[in-house]
Every structure is written in C-alpha cells, then in structure tokens.
Amino acid sequence: MDRRLRAAGRRARPSLAAPATPDWALERGQHEKPELVHTSQCWNEFSMQSVTREQAIEALTRGGVSACLRWEPDKDLGVLD
C-alpha cells in the first residue's frame, strides 16, 4: 500500500518544463547596459533579458542598441539603419 501511494505521488507532481524561449532579447554588457538585440536563435538565459517586440524596436531605434550581426533582428523587426 505504502509503495502505491509513493508512486501515485510521483505521478501527481507537476513537471518542471523549461520556460519558453522569447522571440526577442537584450544582451547586457558591462554595468548592465544593453549592448545587442537578439532573436530567439541567440537566446542565452544567463546573459540576456527577454523583451517584447516593441521593446526590441525601441532599443534599436531610440536606445542606441545594435542588432546581432549573425541573425539580424533589425531586418525581422522591419528596422533598418
């Protein structure tokens, strides 16, 4: 009986799924200053902050933040220099 209860408890626990990868992210440099806007292909949860599409566009157009050179999020966002 005790073994069945433990097995049922293991099945009832929610699984810890990884959080969804964001579409857009800001890479932070020294002193936490945003340096690059990235797409989901570049996502690194340790050095990047998830942002919305609007925040990514704002960073590129008014924030003085550059776009990742590999995946070119500025093209995906419709923002070209």
C-alpha atoms as a PDB file:
ATOM      1  CA  MET A   1       0.000   0.000   0.000  1.00  0.00           C
ATOM      2  CA  ASP A   2       2.718   2.454   1.009  1.00  0.00           C
ATOM      3  CA  ARG A   3       4.593   1.818  -2.248  1.00  0.00           C
ATOM      4  CA  ARG A   4       1.465   2.563  -4.313  1.00  0.00           C
ATOM      5  CA  LEU A   5       0.964   5.889  -2.514  1.00  0.00           C
ATOM      6  CA  ARG A   6       4.567   6.945  -3.199  1.00  0.00           C
ATOM      7  CA  ALA A   7       4.224   6.023  -6.868  1.00  0.00           C
ATOM      8  CA  ALA A   8       0.962   7.961  -7.129  1.00  0.00           C
ATOM      9  CA  GLY A   9       2.641  10.973  -5.503  1.00  0.00           C
ATOM     10  CA  ARG A  10       5.458  10.909  -8.063  1.00  0.00           C
ATOM     11  CA  ARG A  11       2.970  10.845 -10.921  1.00  0.00           C
ATOM     12  CA  ALA A  12       0.914  13.690  -9.430  1.00  0.00           C
ATOM     13  CA  ARG A  13       3.849  16.134  -9.218  1.00  0.00           C
ATOM     14  CA  PRO A  14       3.868  18.763 -11.944  1.00  0.00           C
ATOM     15  CA  SER A  15       6.764  18.515 -14.356  1.00  0.00           C
ATOM     16  CA  LEU A  16       9.252  21.357 -14.382  1.00  0.00           C
ATOM     17  CA  ALA A  17       9.249  22.309 -18.043  1.00  0.00           C
ATOM     18  CA  ALA A  18      11.794  24.819 -19.283  1.00  0.00           C
ATOM     19  CA  PRO A  19      10.388  28.314 -19.820  1.00  0.00           C
ATOM     20  CA  ALA A  20       9.544  29.266 -23.370  1.00  0.00           C
ATOM     21  CA  THR A  21      12.296  30.879 -25.417  1.00  0.00           C
ATOM     22  CA  PRO A  22      11.485  34.558 -26.033  1.00  0.00           C
ATOM     23  CA  ASP A  23      11.262  35.946 -29.558  1.00  0.00           C
ATOM     24  CA  TRP A  24      13.454  38.938 -28.688  1.00  0.00           C
ATOM     25  CA  ALA A  25      16.188  39.558 -26.131  1.00  0.00           C
ATOM     26  CA  LEU A  26      18.652  42.199 -24.977  1.00  0.00           C
ATOM     27  CA  GLU A  27      22.214  41.216 -24.232  1.00  0.00           C
ATOM     28  CA  ARG A  28      23.612  43.132 -21.292  1.00  0.00           C
ATOM     29  CA  GLY A  29      27.223  44.241 -21.170  1.00  0.00           C
ATOM     30  CA  GLN A  30      29.284  45.958 -18.535  1.00  0.00           C
ATOM     31  CA  HIS A  31      27.289  47.729 -15.856  1.00  0.00           C
ATOM     32  CA  GLU A  32      24.120  46.023 -17.163  1.00  0.00           C
ATOM     33  CA  LYS A  33      23.979  48.381 -20.168  1.00  0.00           C
ATOM     34  CA  PRO A  34      22.098  46.847 -23.143  1.00  0.00           C
ATOM     35  CA  GLU A  35      24.533  46.113 -25.973  1.00  0.00           C
ATOM     36  CA  LEU A  36      22.731  43.988 -28.573  1.00  0.00           C
ATOM     37  CA  VAL A  37      19.222  42.998 -29.607  1.00  0.00           C
ATOM     38  CA  HIS A  38      18.941  39.284 -30.375  1.00  0.00           C
ATOM     39  CA  THR A  39      16.376  36.880 -31.813  1.00  0.00           C
ATOM     40  CA  SER A  40      15.320  33.580 -30.254  1.00  0.00           C
ATOM     41  CA  GLN A  41      18.119  31.784 -32.130  1.00  0.00           C
ATOM     42  CA  CYS A  42      20.691  33.501 -29.895  1.00  0.00           C
ATOM     43  CA  TRP A  43      18.853  33.101 -26.576  1.00  0.00           C
ATOM     44  CA  ASN A  44      21.066  32.616 -23.513  1.00  0.00           C
ATOM     45  CA  GLU A  45      19.198  32.906 -20.232  1.00  0.00           C
ATOM     46  CA  PHE A  46      22.368  33.790 -18.332  1.00  0.00           C
ATOM     47  CA  SER A  47      23.411  36.892 -20.273  1.00  0.00           C
ATOM     48  CA  MET A  48      20.174  38.085 -21.864  1.00  0.00           C
ATOM     49  CA  GLN A  49      16.886  39.617 -20.835  1.00  0.00           C
ATOM     50  CA  SER A  50      13.637  38.725 -22.564  1.00  0.00           C
ATOM     51  CA  VAL A  51      11.908  41.731 -24.175  1.00  0.00           C
ATOM     52  CA  THR A  52       8.764  42.354 -26.207  1.00  0.00           C
ATOM     53  CA  ARG A  53       8.788  43.171 -29.905  1.00  0.00           C
ATOM     54  CA  GLU A  54       8.034  46.812 -29.082  1.00  0.00           C
ATOM     55  CA  GLN A  55      10.919  46.984 -26.589  1.00  0.00           C
ATOM     56  CA  ALA A  56      13.315  45.472 -29.144  1.00  0.00           C
ATOM     57  CA  ILE A  57      12.258  48.055 -31.753  1.00  0.00           C
ATOM     58  CA  GLU A  58      12.616  50.853 -29.195  1.00  0.00           C
ATOM     59  CA  ALA A  59      16.112  49.677 -28.258  1.00  0.00           C
ATOM     60  CA  LEU A  60      17.183  49.597 -31.914  1.00  0.00           C
ATOM     61  CA  THR A  61      15.625  52.897 -32.956  1.00  0.00           C
ATOM     62  CA  ARG A  62      15.971  55.116 -29.895  1.00  0.00           C
ATOM     63  CA  GLY A  63      18.072  53.270 -27.367  1.00  0.00           C
ATOM     64  CA  GLY A  64      21.355  53.209 -29.239  1.00  0.00           C
ATOM     65  CA  VAL A  65      21.485  49.413 -29.099  1.00  0.00           C
ATOM     66  CA  SER A  66      22.912  47.496 -32.070  1.00  0.00           C
ATOM     67  CA  ALA A  67      21.443  44.398 -33.689  1.00  0.00           C
ATOM     68  CA  CYS A  68      23.065  40.977 -33.516  1.00  0.00           C
ATOM     69  CA  LEU A  69      25.165  40.607 -36.669  1.00  0.00           C
ATOM     70  CA  ARG A  70      24.532  36.883 -37.040  1.00  0.00           C
ATOM     71  CA  TRP A  71      20.712  36.746 -37.066  1.00  0.00           C
ATOM     72  CA  GLU A  72      19.971  40.418 -37.916  1.00  0.00           C
ATOM     73  CA  PRO A  73      16.869  41.040 -35.801  1.00  0.00           C
ATOM     74  CA  ASP A  74      16.636  44.549 -37.238  1.00  0.00           C
ATOM     75  CA  LYS A  75      15.557  43.010 -40.569  1.00  0.00           C
ATOM     76  CA  ASP A  76      12.992  40.747 -38.860  1.00  0.00           C
ATOM     77  CA  LEU A  77      11.614  43.740 -36.964  1.00  0.00           C
ATOM     78  CA  GLY A  78      11.473  45.942 -40.065  1.00  0.00           C
ATOM     79  CA  VAL A  79      14.073  48.352 -38.678  1.00  0.00           C
ATOM     80  CA  LEU A  80      16.981  49.146 -40.981  1.00  0.00           C
ATOM     81  CA  ASP A  81      19.695  51.757 -40.466  1.00  0.00           C
END
